[in-house]
PDB file of N, CA and C in Angstrom:
ATOM      1  N   SER A   1      -8.665  -3.767   3.285  1.00  0.00           N
ATOM      2  CA  SER A   1      -8.376  -3.968   4.567  1.00  0.00           C
ATOM      3  C   SER A   1      -9.168  -3.529   5.454  1.00  0.00           C
ATOM      4  N   THR A   2      -9.301  -3.698   6.794  1.00  0.00           N
ATOM      5  CA  THR A   2     -10.073  -3.557   7.816  1.00  0.00           C
ATOM      6  C   THR A   2      -9.276  -2.346   8.660  1.00  0.00           C
ATOM      7  N   CYS A   3     -10.147  -1.379   8.916  1.00  0.00           N
ATOM      8  CA  CYS A   3      -9.484   0.020  10.186  1.00  0.00           C
ATOM      9  C   CYS A   3      -9.326  -0.729  11.402  1.00  0.00           C
ATOM     10  N   GLU A   4      -8.286  -0.755  11.756  1.00  0.00           N
ATOM     11  CA  GLU A   4      -7.742  -1.299  13.282  1.00  0.00           C
ATOM     12  C   GLU A   4      -8.637  -0.529  14.697  1.00  0.00           C
ATOM     13  N   HIS A   5      -9.210   0.896  14.218  1.00  0.00           N
ATOM     14  CA  HIS A   5     -10.064   1.155  15.069  1.00  0.00           C
ATOM     15  C   HIS A   5     -11.221   1.235  15.372  1.00  0.00           C
ATOM     16  N   HIS A   6     -12.043   0.894  13.942  1.00  0.00           N
ATOM     17  CA  HIS A   6     -13.497   0.594  14.335  1.00  0.00           C
ATOM     18  C   HIS A   6     -13.636  -1.103  13.803  1.00  0.00           C
ATOM     19  N   LEU A   7     -13.191  -1.943  13.623  1.00  0.00           N
ATOM     20  CA  LEU A   7     -12.910  -2.983  13.119  1.00  0.00           C
ATOM     21  C   LEU A   7     -13.987  -3.027  11.645  1.00  0.00           C
ATOM     22  N   LEU A   8     -13.995  -1.982  11.026  1.00  0.00           N
ATOM     23  CA  LEU A   8     -14.858  -1.984   9.622  1.00  0.00           C
ATOM     24  C   LEU A   8     -14.101  -1.857   8.394  1.00  0.00           C
ATOM     25  N   PRO A   9     -14.700  -2.457   7.728  1.00  0.00           N
ATOM     26  CA  PRO A   9     -13.502  -2.636   5.827  1.00  0.00           C
ATOM     27  C   PRO A   9     -13.371  -1.040   5.497  1.00  0.00           C
ATOM     28  N   PHE A  10     -12.395  -1.191   4.715  1.00  0.00           N
ATOM     29  CA  PHE A  10     -12.208   0.329   3.568  1.00  0.00           C
ATOM     30  C   PHE A  10     -11.444  -0.388   2.626  1.00  0.00           C
ATOM     31  N   HIS A  11     -12.261   0.548   1.452  1.00  0.00           N
ATOM     32  CA  HIS A  11     -11.761  -0.390   0.111  1.00  0.00           C
ATOM     33  C   HIS A  11     -11.423   0.950  -0.959  1.00  0.00           C
ATOM     34  N   GLY A  12     -10.670   0.415  -1.895  1.00  0.00           N
ATOM     35  CA  GLY A  12     -10.340   1.380  -2.771  1.00  0.00           C
ATOM     36  C   GLY A  12      -8.793   1.066  -3.746  1.00  0.00           C
ATOM     37  N   HIS A  13      -8.508   2.097  -3.859  1.00  0.00           N
ATOM     38  CA  HIS A  13      -7.411   1.772  -5.271  1.00  0.00           C
ATOM     39  C   HIS A  13      -6.139   2.368  -4.758  1.00  0.00           C
ATOM     40  N   ALA A  14      -5.004   1.512  -5.137  1.00  0.00           N
ATOM     41  CA  ALA A  14      -3.517   1.940  -4.712  1.00  0.00           C
ATOM     42  C   ALA A  14      -2.593   1.966  -5.695  1.00  0.00           C
ATOM     43  N   HIS A  15      -2.187   3.188  -5.956  1.00  0.00           N
ATOM     44  CA  HIS A  15      -1.305   3.754  -7.229  1.00  0.00           C
ATOM     45  C   HIS A  15       0.295   3.665  -6.671  1.00  0.00           C
ATOM     46  N   VAL A  16       0.859   2.935  -7.208  1.00  0.00           N
ATOM     47  CA  VAL A  16       2.517   2.559  -6.333  1.00  0.00           C
ATOM     48  C   VAL A  16       3.109   3.169  -8.051  1.00  0.00           C
ATOM     49  N   ALA A  17       4.324   3.695  -7.550  1.00  0.00           N
ATOM     50  CA  ALA A  17       5.663   4.052  -8.781  1.00  0.00           C
ATOM     51  C   ALA A  17       6.477   3.847  -7.790  1.00  0.00           C
ATOM     52  N   TYR A  18       7.568   3.381  -8.513  1.00  0.00           N
ATOM     53  CA  TYR A  18       9.084   3.471  -8.142  1.00  0.00           C
ATOM     54  C   TYR A  18      10.070   3.695  -9.368  1.00  0.00           C
ATOM     55  N   LEU A  19      11.073   4.481  -9.161  1.00  0.00           N
ATOM     56  CA  LEU A  19      12.256   4.725  -9.776  1.00  0.00           C
ATOM     57  C   LEU A  19      13.727   3.483  -9.439  1.00  0.00           C
ATOM     58  N   PRO A  20      13.445   2.829 -10.074  1.00  0.00           N
ATOM     59  CA  PRO A  20      15.204   1.950  -9.684  1.00  0.00           C
ATOM     60  C   PRO A  20      16.139   2.848  -9.646  1.00  0.00           C
ATOM     61  N   SER A  21      17.139   2.341  -8.937  1.00  0.00           N
ATOM     62  CA  SER A  21      18.361   2.746  -9.280  1.00  0.00           C
ATOM     63  C   SER A  21      19.458   2.169 -10.359  1.00  0.00           C
ATOM     64  N   GLN A  22      20.875   2.214 -10.606  1.00  0.00           N
ATOM     65  CA  GLN A  22      21.229   1.951 -11.617  1.00  0.00           C
ATOM     66  C   GLN A  22      21.827   0.803 -11.609  1.00  0.00           C
ATOM     67  N   GLN A  23      21.621  -0.384 -10.189  1.00  0.00           N
ATOM     68  CA  GLN A  23      22.305  -1.492  -9.997  1.00  0.00           C
ATOM     69  C   GLN A  23      20.939  -2.218  -9.897  1.00  0.00           C
ATOM     70  N   SER A  24      19.688  -1.732  -9.691  1.00  0.00           N
ATOM     71  CA  SER A  24      18.794  -2.659  -8.569  1.00  0.00           C
ATOM     72  C   SER A  24      18.009  -3.292 -10.005  1.00  0.00           C
ATOM     73  N   GLN A  25      17.459  -4.404  -9.185  1.00  0.00           N
ATOM     74  CA  GLN A  25      16.716  -5.255  -9.887  1.00  0.00           C
ATOM     75  C   GLN A  25      15.380  -4.469 -10.330  1.00  0.00           C
ATOM     76  N   VAL A  26      14.600  -4.782 -11.477  1.00  0.00           N
ATOM     77  CA  VAL A  26      13.097  -4.405 -11.519  1.00  0.00           C
ATOM     78  C   VAL A  26      12.163  -5.233 -11.108  1.00  0.00           C
ATOM     79  N   ILE A  27      11.330  -4.633 -10.651  1.00  0.00           N
ATOM     80  CA  ILE A  27       9.766  -5.625  -9.945  1.00  0.00           C
ATOM     81  C   ILE A  27       8.822  -5.673 -11.520  1.00  0.00           C
ATOM     82  N   GLY A  28       8.477  -6.734 -11.439  1.00  0.00           N
ATOM     83  CA  GLY A  28       7.028  -7.151 -12.513  1.00  0.00           C
ATOM     84  C   GLY A  28       6.489  -6.283 -11.673  1.00  0.00           C
ATOM     85  N   LEU A  29       5.031  -5.888 -12.720  1.00  0.00           N
ATOM     86  CA  LEU A  29       4.173  -5.516 -12.872  1.00  0.00           C
ATOM     87  C   LEU A  29       2.897  -6.254 -11.639  1.00  0.00           C
ATOM     88  N   SER A  30       3.017  -7.642 -11.898  1.00  0.00           N
ATOM     89  CA  SER A  30       2.101  -8.548 -11.041  1.00  0.00           C
ATOM     90  C   SER A  30       2.658  -8.234  -9.601  1.00  0.00           C
ATOM     91  N   LYS A  31       3.780  -8.018  -9.688  1.00  0.00           N
ATOM     92  CA  LYS A  31       4.364  -8.029  -8.143  1.00  0.00           C
ATOM     93  C   LYS A  31       3.897  -6.870  -7.261  1.00  0.00           C
ATOM     94  N   LEU A  32       3.734  -5.776  -7.748  1.00  0.00           N
ATOM     95  CA  LEU A  32       3.242  -4.408  -6.678  1.00  0.00           C
ATOM     96  C   LEU A  32       1.796  -4.869  -6.274  1.00  0.00           C
ATOM     97  N   PRO A  33       1.077  -4.985  -7.160  1.00  0.00           N
ATOM     98  CA  PRO A  33      -0.204  -5.381  -6.509  1.00  0.00           C
ATOM     99  C   PRO A  33      -0.159  -6.549  -5.156  1.00  0.00           C
ATOM    100  N   ARG A  34       0.471  -7.592  -5.422  1.00  0.00           N
ATOM    101  CA  ARG A  34       0.604  -8.897  -4.096  1.00  0.00           C
ATOM    102  C   ARG A  34       1.189  -8.086  -3.126  1.00  0.00           C
ATOM    103  N   VAL A  35       2.433  -7.172  -3.476  1.00  0.00           N
ATOM    104  CA  VAL A  35       2.642  -6.257  -2.054  1.00  0.00           C
ATOM    105  C   VAL A  35       1.581  -5.572  -1.426  1.00  0.00           C
ATOM    106  N   VAL A  36       0.604  -4.745  -2.473  1.00  0.00           N
ATOM    107  CA  VAL A  36      -0.053  -4.329  -1.384  1.00  0.00           C
ATOM    108  C   VAL A  36      -1.003  -5.043  -0.799  1.00  0.00           C
ATOM    109  N   HIS A  37      -1.646  -5.746  -1.721  1.00  0.00           N
ATOM    110  CA  HIS A  37      -2.213  -7.139  -0.787  1.00  0.00           C
ATOM    111  C   HIS A  37      -1.944  -7.735   0.227  1.00  0.00           C
ATOM    112  N   MET A  38      -0.376  -7.817   0.265  1.00  0.00           N
ATOM    113  CA  MET A  38      -0.079  -8.622   1.378  1.00  0.00           C
ATOM    114  C   MET A  38      -0.004  -7.520   2.669  1.00  0.00           C
ATOM    115  N   PHE A  39       0.246  -6.610   2.282  1.00  0.00           N
ATOM    116  CA  PHE A  39      -0.082  -5.786   4.125  1.00  0.00           C
ATOM    117  C   PHE A  39      -1.538  -5.249   3.991  1.00  0.00           C
ATOM    118  N   ALA A  40      -2.008  -5.293   3.225  1.00  0.00           N
ATOM    119  CA  ALA A  40      -3.847  -4.660   3.260  1.00  0.00           C
ATOM    120  C   ALA A  40      -4.617  -6.465   4.060  1.00  0.00           C
ATOM    121  N   GLN A  41      -3.890  -7.297   4.177  1.00  0.00           N
ATOM    122  CA  GLN A  41      -4.612  -8.415   4.769  1.00  0.00           C
ATOM    123  C   GLN A  41      -4.666  -8.107   6.044  1.00  0.00           C
ATOM    124  N   ARG A  42      -3.999  -7.286   6.742  1.00  0.00           N
ATOM    125  CA  ARG A  42      -4.086  -7.121   8.200  1.00  0.00           C
ATOM    126  C   ARG A  42      -4.699  -5.791   8.882  1.00  0.00           C
ATOM    127  N   LEU A  43      -5.277  -5.922   9.928  1.00  0.00           N
ATOM    128  CA  LEU A  43      -5.858  -4.814  10.594  1.00  0.00           C
ATOM    129  C   LEU A  43      -4.713  -3.659  10.663  1.00  0.00           C
ATOM    130  N   GLN A  44      -5.141  -2.627   9.985  1.00  0.00           N
ATOM    131  CA  GLN A  44      -4.512  -1.475   9.438  1.00  0.00           C
ATOM    132  C   GLN A  44      -5.341  -0.428   9.534  1.00  0.00           C
ATOM    133  N   VAL A  45      -4.223   1.033   9.040  1.00  0.00           N
ATOM    134  CA  VAL A  45      -4.764   2.122   8.916  1.00  0.00           C
ATOM    135  C   VAL A  45      -4.282   2.360   7.437  1.00  0.00           C
ATOM    136  N   GLN A  46      -5.311   3.163   6.965  1.00  0.00           N
ATOM    137  CA  GLN A  46      -4.388   3.486   5.684  1.00  0.00           C
ATOM    138  C   GLN A  46      -3.454   4.088   5.383  1.00  0.00           C
ATOM    139  N   GLU A  47      -2.943   5.126   6.651  1.00  0.00           N
ATOM    140  CA  GLU A  47      -1.502   5.788   6.612  1.00  0.00           C
ATOM    141  C   GLU A  47      -0.379   4.732   6.779  1.00  0.00           C
ATOM    142  N   ARG A  48      -0.632   3.914   7.319  1.00  0.00           N
ATOM    143  CA  ARG A  48       0.258   2.950   7.570  1.00  0.00           C
ATOM    144  C   ARG A  48       0.791   1.857   6.455  1.00  0.00           C
ATOM    145  N   ILE A  49      -0.282   1.401   5.984  1.00  0.00           N
ATOM    146  CA  ILE A  49      -0.108   0.592   4.450  1.00  0.00           C
ATOM    147  C   ILE A  49       0.554   1.885   3.841  1.00  0.00           C
ATOM    148  N   THR A  50       0.284   2.699   3.332  1.00  0.00           N
ATOM    149  CA  THR A  50       1.557   3.199   2.308  1.00  0.00           C
ATOM    150  C   THR A  50       2.576   3.395   2.964  1.00  0.00           C
ATOM    151  N   SER A  51       3.157   3.814   3.884  1.00  0.00           N
ATOM    152  CA  SER A  51       4.539   3.683   4.803  1.00  0.00           C
ATOM    153  C   SER A  51       5.303   2.204   4.428  1.00  0.00           C
ATOM    154  N   GLN A  52       4.498   0.981   4.691  1.00  0.00           N
ATOM    155  CA  GLN A  52       4.801  -0.506   4.860  1.00  0.00           C
ATOM    156  C   GLN A  52       4.900  -0.537   3.118  1.00  0.00           C
ATOM    157  N   VAL A  53       4.311  -0.080   2.244  1.00  0.00           N
ATOM    158  CA  VAL A  53       4.471  -1.012   0.949  1.00  0.00           C
ATOM    159  C   VAL A  53       6.101   0.111   0.711  1.00  0.00           C
ATOM    160  N   ALA A  54       5.852   1.115   1.031  1.00  0.00           N
ATOM    161  CA  ALA A  54       6.805   1.932   0.114  1.00  0.00           C
ATOM    162  C   ALA A  54       8.181   1.906   0.819  1.00  0.00           C
ATOM    163  N   GLN A  55       7.922   1.523   2.135  1.00  0.00           N
ATOM    164  CA  GLN A  55       9.700   0.578   2.592  1.00  0.00           C
ATOM    165  C   GLN A  55       9.797  -0.689   2.355  1.00  0.00           C
ATOM    166  N   PHE A  56       8.844  -1.542   1.918  1.00  0.00           N
ATOM    167  CA  PHE A  56       8.831  -3.153   1.629  1.00  0.00           C
ATOM    168  C   PHE A  56      10.095  -2.573   0.112  1.00  0.00           C
ATOM    169  N   ILE A  57       9.548  -1.712  -0.765  1.00  0.00           N
ATOM    170  CA  ILE A  57       9.947  -1.942  -1.883  1.00  0.00           C
ATOM    171  C   ILE A  57      11.497  -1.387  -1.956  1.00  0.00           C
ATOM    172  N   MET A  58      11.267  -0.165  -1.167  1.00  0.00           N
ATOM    173  CA  MET A  58      12.841   0.339  -1.373  1.00  0.00           C
ATOM    174  C   MET A  58      13.564  -0.562  -0.710  1.00  0.00           C
ATOM    175  N   GLN A  59      13.419  -1.595   0.306  1.00  0.00           N
ATOM    176  CA  GLN A  59      14.466  -2.706   0.682  1.00  0.00           C
ATOM    177  C   GLN A  59      14.551  -3.445  -0.477  1.00  0.00           C
ATOM    178  N   ALA A  60      13.430  -4.080  -0.931  1.00  0.00           N
ATOM    179  CA  ALA A  60      13.394  -5.543  -1.829  1.00  0.00           C
ATOM    180  C   ALA A  60      14.392  -4.880  -3.157  1.00  0.00           C
ATOM    181  N   VAL A  61      14.644  -3.827  -3.563  1.00  0.00           N
ATOM    182  CA  VAL A  61      14.943  -3.767  -5.077  1.00  0.00           C
ATOM    183  C   VAL A  61      16.116  -2.227  -4.918  1.00  0.00           C
ATOM    184  N   ASN A  62      16.025  -1.629  -3.785  1.00  0.00           N
ATOM    185  CA  ASN A  62      17.071  -0.628  -3.639  1.00  0.00           C
ATOM    186  C   ASN A  62      16.702   0.479  -4.504  1.00  0.00           C
ATOM    187  N   ALA A  63      15.504   0.646  -4.603  1.00  0.00           N
ATOM    188  CA  ALA A  63      15.061   2.069  -5.523  1.00  0.00           C
ATOM    189  C   ALA A  63      15.792   3.550  -4.572  1.00  0.00           C
ATOM    190  N   ARG A  64      15.634   4.253  -6.015  1.00  0.00           N
ATOM    191  CA  ARG A  64      16.097   5.840  -5.841  1.00  0.00           C
ATOM    192  C   ARG A  64      14.816   6.496  -4.747  1.00  0.00           C
ATOM    193  N   GLY A  65      13.544   5.849  -5.246  1.00  0.00           N
ATOM    194  CA  GLY A  65      12.401   6.492  -4.720  1.00  0.00           C
ATOM    195  C   GLY A  65      11.301   5.505  -5.114  1.00  0.00           C
ATOM    196  N   VAL A  66       9.970   6.029  -3.925  1.00  0.00           N
ATOM    197  CA  VAL A  66       8.813   5.148  -3.816  1.00  0.00           C
ATOM    198  C   VAL A  66       7.453   6.299  -3.541  1.00  0.00           C
ATOM    199  N   ALA A  67       6.828   6.098  -4.779  1.00  0.00           N
ATOM    200  CA  ALA A  67       5.546   6.832  -4.268  1.00  0.00           C
ATOM    201  C   ALA A  67       4.298   6.003  -3.997  1.00  0.00           C
ATOM    202  N   VAL A  68       3.801   6.250  -3.061  1.00  0.00           N
ATOM    203  CA  VAL A  68       2.246   5.075  -2.982  1.00  0.00           C
ATOM    204  C   VAL A  68       1.122   6.137  -2.604  1.00  0.00           C
ATOM    205  N   LEU A  69       0.207   5.762  -3.202  1.00  0.00           N
ATOM    206  CA  LEU A  69      -1.203   6.755  -3.056  1.00  0.00           C
ATOM    207  C   LEU A  69      -2.403   5.625  -2.899  1.00  0.00           C
ATOM    208  N   LEU A  70      -3.111   5.801  -1.801  1.00  0.00           N
ATOM    209  CA  LEU A  70      -4.034   5.110  -1.544  1.00  0.00           C
ATOM    210  C   LEU A  70      -5.561   5.652  -1.521  1.00  0.00           C
ATOM    211  N   GLU A  71      -6.431   5.460  -2.406  1.00  0.00           N
ATOM    212  CA  GLU A  71      -7.921   6.157  -2.067  1.00  0.00           C
ATOM    213  C   GLU A  71      -8.627   5.238  -2.023  1.00  0.00           C
ATOM    214  N   ALA A  72      -9.145   5.289  -0.728  1.00  0.00           N
ATOM    215  CA  ALA A  72      -9.858   4.573  -0.065  1.00  0.00           C
ATOM    216  C   ALA A  72     -11.275   5.077   0.266  1.00  0.00           C
ATOM    217  N   THR A  73     -12.236   4.169   0.394  1.00  0.00           N
ATOM    218  CA  THR A  73     -13.571   4.792   1.157  1.00  0.00           C
ATOM    219  C   THR A  73     -13.749   3.699   2.387  1.00  0.00           C
ATOM    220  N   HIS A  74     -14.023   4.652   3.314  1.00  0.00           N
ATOM    221  CA  HIS A  74     -14.038   3.589   5.015  1.00  0.00           C
ATOM    222  C   HIS A  74     -15.366   3.727   5.324  1.00  0.00           C
ATOM    223  N   LEU A  75     -15.470   2.743   5.418  1.00  0.00           N
ATOM    224  CA  LEU A  75     -16.952   2.342   5.905  1.00  0.00           C
ATOM    225  C   LEU A  75     -17.341   2.836   6.961  1.00  0.00           C
ATOM    226  N   CYS A  76     -16.736   3.181   8.170  1.00  0.00           N
ATOM    227  CA  CYS A  76     -16.890   3.819   8.927  1.00  0.00           C
ATOM    228  C   CYS A  76     -17.176   5.404   8.722  1.00  0.00           C
ATOM    229  N   MET A  77     -17.088   5.934   7.913  1.00  0.00           N
ATOM    230  CA  MET A  77     -17.279   7.555   7.542  1.00  0.00           C
ATOM    231  C   MET A  77     -18.784   7.411   6.636  1.00  0.00           C
ATOM    232  N   SER A  78     -18.674   6.198   5.683  1.00  0.00           N
ATOM    233  CA  SER A  78     -19.711   6.821   5.023  1.00  0.00           C
ATOM    234  C   SER A  78     -21.329   6.357   5.765  1.00  0.00           C
ATOM    235  N   MET A  79     -20.966   5.169   6.668  1.00  0.00           N
ATOM    236  CA  MET A  79     -22.174   4.558   7.675  1.00  0.00           C
ATOM    237  C   MET A  79     -22.892   6.001   8.126  1.00  0.00           C
ATOM    238  N   ARG A  80     -21.897   6.641   8.542  1.00  0.00           N
ATOM    239  CA  ARG A  80     -22.216   7.903   9.293  1.00  0.00           C
ATOM    240  C   ARG A  80     -23.089   9.238   8.330  1.00  0.00           C
ATOM    241  N   GLY A  81     -23.146   9.016   7.030  1.00  0.00           N
ATOM    242  CA  GLY A  81     -23.734   9.564   6.302  1.00  0.00           C
ATOM    243  C   GLY A  81     -23.109  10.975   5.688  1.00  0.00           C
TER     244      GLY A  81
END
């Protein structure tokens, strides 16, 4: 994604887990990276991506809980040294 404050990219790994409820649908593994990629296409900050992915999954499948962890390297920080 691209940092909205500095207009520099940040890249890394996203870890997504969810706990489906008794009546909810189950998401296939290929859909989780698509959801992360959908929100990462915008100008973002890392914290907002995590909350948007979690809220989307909660609403889409009525999950009991969602955990999202992003481990990213921000170019704005690594350029400084």
